[in-house]
Structures are given as structure tokens and as C-alpha cells.
Amino acid sequence: MHTYTDSCPVCAQDYEAWIVNGIEDLVQLGEERPNYLLGEIRKHGAVAATRSIVGKTHPSEGFIRLLMNGYKDRTLEACVLDNGLPCPLFDFDLQQTAKLRLGR
């Protein structure tokens, strides 16, 4: 088990691949392509994009849309908590924000 760090490139790469694949799955299910999120991933990487978007004061439009369409478990907030990686890529505060939004 790794400790919280920004220096675990393997876990960051695995997370990014997992997020991008998840986005493509949602698009195949008829969800709107999240162009803002994809742009942030291209610019900063998936970990930094997730930290930035989930770390905002208010939930993103994408979170609200996925929640309303029954995809609560496919939100970035859910990804913060349930990514299955050995490296905790997200700090306690971000995890708490995600839990609060998801009602956990």
C-alpha cells in the first residue's frame, strides 16, 4: 500500500486510463461527452483534474447530470472513493467532500 502522494506515476496512469474508459462507457450509454473534463485531463492529467473539479465548493454540472440520470456510482466523486488503486491519490478533505456529495 502506498501513502498519499503525487509521485506514484503508475497509479496515476492507471487512474487516468480507468477514468477515460469510464467516460467512453457512459458516452456509449447515451450520456453527453464531458468535453470540459476531457480537456482538463489532457492539460493536467486525470488526478489533477479530479482534484480540481471535486474540490470546488459546489458540485459540477456533470455530477448533477449523472446523479439525475442514475449514474451516482460513475461520478468523479465516486471515483475518488472507489478507484480500486493501492495508492490513495486523493487526500482526506477531498474524500470527505466526495462522501458528503454522495450521501455516504
C-alpha atoms as a PDB file:
ATOM      1  CA  MET A   1       0.000   0.000   0.000  1.00  0.00           C
ATOM      2  CA  HIS A   2       1.344   3.371  -0.955  1.00  0.00           C
ATOM      3  CA  THR A   3       0.874   6.515   1.067  1.00  0.00           C
ATOM      4  CA  TYR A   4      -0.872   9.642  -0.219  1.00  0.00           C
ATOM      5  CA  THR A   5       1.494  11.180  -2.722  1.00  0.00           C
ATOM      6  CA  ASP A   6       1.705  12.845  -6.090  1.00  0.00           C
ATOM      7  CA  SER A   7       4.724  10.758  -7.025  1.00  0.00           C
ATOM      8  CA  CYS A   8       3.094   7.438  -7.904  1.00  0.00           C
ATOM      9  CA  PRO A   9       3.071   7.570 -11.699  1.00  0.00           C
ATOM     10  CA  VAL A  10       1.795   4.011 -12.186  1.00  0.00           C
ATOM     11  CA  CYS A  11      -1.331   4.595 -10.085  1.00  0.00           C
ATOM     12  CA  ALA A  12      -1.893   7.981 -11.744  1.00  0.00           C
ATOM     13  CA  GLN A  13      -1.643   6.377 -15.206  1.00  0.00           C
ATOM     14  CA  ASP A  14      -3.958   3.544 -14.196  1.00  0.00           C
ATOM     15  CA  TYR A  15      -6.461   6.042 -12.787  1.00  0.00           C
ATOM     16  CA  GLU A  16      -6.375   8.100 -15.970  1.00  0.00           C
ATOM     17  CA  ALA A  17      -6.958   5.065 -18.193  1.00  0.00           C
ATOM     18  CA  TRP A  18      -9.793   3.951 -15.905  1.00  0.00           C
ATOM     19  CA  ILE A  19     -11.454   7.400 -15.994  1.00  0.00           C
ATOM     20  CA  VAL A  20     -11.174   7.752 -19.787  1.00  0.00           C
ATOM     21  CA  ASN A  21     -12.571   4.238 -20.311  1.00  0.00           C
ATOM     22  CA  GLY A  22     -15.420   5.045 -17.913  1.00  0.00           C
ATOM     23  CA  ILE A  23     -16.215   8.200 -19.840  1.00  0.00           C
ATOM     24  CA  GLU A  24     -16.355   6.244 -23.098  1.00  0.00           C
ATOM     25  CA  ASP A  25     -18.667   3.674 -21.469  1.00  0.00           C
ATOM     26  CA  LEU A  26     -21.022   6.468 -20.372  1.00  0.00           C
ATOM     27  CA  VAL A  27     -20.999   8.002 -23.855  1.00  0.00           C
ATOM     28  CA  GLN A  28     -21.924   4.592 -25.278  1.00  0.00           C
ATOM     29  CA  LEU A  29     -24.849   4.550 -22.842  1.00  0.00           C
ATOM     30  CA  GLY A  30     -26.048   7.861 -24.267  1.00  0.00           C
ATOM     31  CA  GLU A  31     -24.528  10.331 -21.819  1.00  0.00           C
ATOM     32  CA  GLU A  32     -23.112  13.613 -23.086  1.00  0.00           C
ATOM     33  CA  ARG A  33     -19.354  13.635 -23.713  1.00  0.00           C
ATOM     34  CA  PRO A  34     -17.783  15.678 -20.888  1.00  0.00           C
ATOM     35  CA  ASN A  35     -15.599  17.918 -23.050  1.00  0.00           C
ATOM     36  CA  TYR A  36     -14.558  20.186 -20.169  1.00  0.00           C
ATOM     37  CA  LEU A  37     -13.384  17.210 -18.109  1.00  0.00           C
ATOM     38  CA  LEU A  38     -11.571  15.664 -21.059  1.00  0.00           C
ATOM     39  CA  GLY A  39      -9.832  18.974 -21.739  1.00  0.00           C
ATOM     40  CA  GLU A  40      -8.730  19.207 -18.108  1.00  0.00           C
ATOM     41  CA  ILE A  41      -7.447  15.634 -18.261  1.00  0.00           C
ATOM     42  CA  ARG A  42      -5.445  16.440 -21.414  1.00  0.00           C
ATOM     43  CA  LYS A  43      -3.982  19.585 -19.825  1.00  0.00           C
ATOM     44  CA  HIS A  44      -3.332  18.417 -16.273  1.00  0.00           C
ATOM     45  CA  GLY A  45      -3.902  14.661 -16.049  1.00  0.00           C
ATOM     46  CA  ALA A  46      -6.874  12.827 -14.556  1.00  0.00           C
ATOM     47  CA  VAL A  47      -5.729  13.032 -10.935  1.00  0.00           C
ATOM     48  CA  ALA A  48      -5.260  16.816 -11.006  1.00  0.00           C
ATOM     49  CA  ALA A  49      -8.494  17.285 -12.989  1.00  0.00           C
ATOM     50  CA  THR A  50     -10.419  15.208 -10.453  1.00  0.00           C
ATOM     51  CA  ARG A  51      -8.890  17.106  -7.535  1.00  0.00           C
ATOM     52  CA  SER A  52      -9.796  20.424  -9.118  1.00  0.00           C
ATOM     53  CA  ILE A  53     -13.361  19.556 -10.098  1.00  0.00           C
ATOM     54  CA  VAL A  54     -14.366  17.639  -6.972  1.00  0.00           C
ATOM     55  CA  GLY A  55     -12.561  20.159  -4.775  1.00  0.00           C
ATOM     56  CA  LYS A  56     -14.764  23.046  -5.881  1.00  0.00           C
ATOM     57  CA  THR A  57     -17.290  24.468  -3.443  1.00  0.00           C
ATOM     58  CA  HIS A  58     -20.281  23.299  -5.471  1.00  0.00           C
ATOM     59  CA  PRO A  59     -20.854  20.059  -7.386  1.00  0.00           C
ATOM     60  CA  SER A  60     -20.124  20.180 -11.098  1.00  0.00           C
ATOM     61  CA  GLU A  61     -22.799  20.104 -13.781  1.00  0.00           C
ATOM     62  CA  GLY A  62     -21.502  16.675 -14.756  1.00  0.00           C
ATOM     63  CA  PHE A  63     -22.022  15.377 -11.228  1.00  0.00           C
ATOM     64  CA  ILE A  64     -25.589  16.686 -11.149  1.00  0.00           C
ATOM     65  CA  ARG A  65     -26.379  15.288 -14.613  1.00  0.00           C
ATOM     66  CA  LEU A  66     -25.002  11.835 -13.778  1.00  0.00           C
ATOM     67  CA  LEU A  67     -26.811  11.839 -10.441  1.00  0.00           C
ATOM     68  CA  MET A  68     -30.116  12.738 -12.098  1.00  0.00           C
ATOM     69  CA  ASN A  69     -29.617  10.058 -14.766  1.00  0.00           C
ATOM     70  CA  GLY A  70     -28.989   7.311 -12.211  1.00  0.00           C
ATOM     71  CA  TYR A  71     -25.211   7.121 -12.525  1.00  0.00           C
ATOM     72  CA  LYS A  72     -24.241   8.169  -8.985  1.00  0.00           C
ATOM     73  CA  ASP A  73     -21.588   5.451  -8.923  1.00  0.00           C
ATOM     74  CA  ARG A  74     -19.979   6.815 -12.131  1.00  0.00           C
ATOM     75  CA  THR A  75     -19.319  10.364 -10.870  1.00  0.00           C
ATOM     76  CA  LEU A  76     -15.844  11.722 -10.183  1.00  0.00           C
ATOM     77  CA  GLU A  77     -16.851  11.806  -6.527  1.00  0.00           C
ATOM     78  CA  ALA A  78     -17.440   8.053  -6.618  1.00  0.00           C
ATOM     79  CA  CYS A  79     -14.125   7.619  -8.427  1.00  0.00           C
ATOM     80  CA  VAL A  80     -12.338   9.446  -5.614  1.00  0.00           C
ATOM     81  CA  LEU A  81     -13.651   6.854  -3.177  1.00  0.00           C
ATOM     82  CA  ASP A  82     -13.859   3.685  -5.280  1.00  0.00           C
ATOM     83  CA  ASN A  83     -10.989   3.586  -7.769  1.00  0.00           C
ATOM     84  CA  GLY A  84      -9.501   0.288  -6.575  1.00  0.00           C
ATOM     85  CA  LEU A  85      -5.921   1.537  -6.669  1.00  0.00           C
ATOM     86  CA  PRO A  86      -3.356   0.794  -3.943  1.00  0.00           C
ATOM     87  CA  CYS A  87      -2.233   4.430  -3.889  1.00  0.00           C
ATOM     88  CA  PRO A  88      -4.562   6.933  -2.186  1.00  0.00           C
ATOM     89  CA  LEU A  89      -4.410   9.622  -4.851  1.00  0.00           C
ATOM     90  CA  PHE A  90      -6.849  11.886  -3.018  1.00  0.00           C
ATOM     91  CA  ASP A  91      -6.440  13.450   0.397  1.00  0.00           C
ATOM     92  CA  PHE A  92      -8.809  13.207   3.351  1.00  0.00           C
ATOM     93  CA  ASP A  93     -10.563  16.513   2.628  1.00  0.00           C
ATOM     94  CA  LEU A  94     -11.376  15.550  -0.962  1.00  0.00           C
ATOM     95  CA  GLN A  95     -12.607  12.147   0.191  1.00  0.00           C
ATOM     96  CA  GLN A  96     -14.855  13.859   2.736  1.00  0.00           C
ATOM     97  CA  THR A  97     -16.251  16.179   0.045  1.00  0.00           C
ATOM     98  CA  ALA A  98     -16.969  13.166  -2.157  1.00  0.00           C
ATOM     99  CA  LYS A  99     -18.658  11.292   0.701  1.00  0.00           C
ATOM    100  CA  LEU A 100     -20.824  14.287   1.563  1.00  0.00           C
ATOM    101  CA  ARG A 101     -21.999  14.748  -2.024  1.00  0.00           C
ATOM    102  CA  LEU A 102     -22.735  11.055  -2.408  1.00  0.00           C
ATOM    103  CA  GLY A 103     -24.532  10.805   0.909  1.00  0.00           C
ATOM    104  CA  ARG A 104     -22.131   8.277   2.375  1.00  0.00           C
END
